[in-house]
Amino acid sequence: MKIKTIDVLARECFDASNGNSYFDAIVTVNLGLKNELMFRLPFQYGYEGHYKDCAFETLKNKGLIVTDETMFGSYYKDNNIVARHSKKAGYNYQAMRVGK
């Protein structure tokens, strides 16, 4: 599959009682194209831009990207992939933890 676009929409929450941040995300490959593919990154520990790294690693694990490259930005640029990342913070930790 030729990848033209990668869109990652993440949600982040903060567990104040333990001082940890968590996220989940939806990753869409080739948004709006006939070969569009979407999958979810599960609720997991991470903060700031970690969701971007996890999306890239998941694409590699699924065999959609075959590379030894560890930096997603370099890979996307070298392969002319349009990448759009966004994250919204402030979600409720308890709700996200149970999948809401």
Foldseek 3Di string as FASTA:
>chain_A
DQFAEKEKEKEKEADVVVGFMKMKIKIWTPPPDPPIDIDIGAIDTDDDCVSVQVVVVVCVVVVVDPDPDNDPVVVCVVSNHHYHYDYHYDDDPVCSVVPD
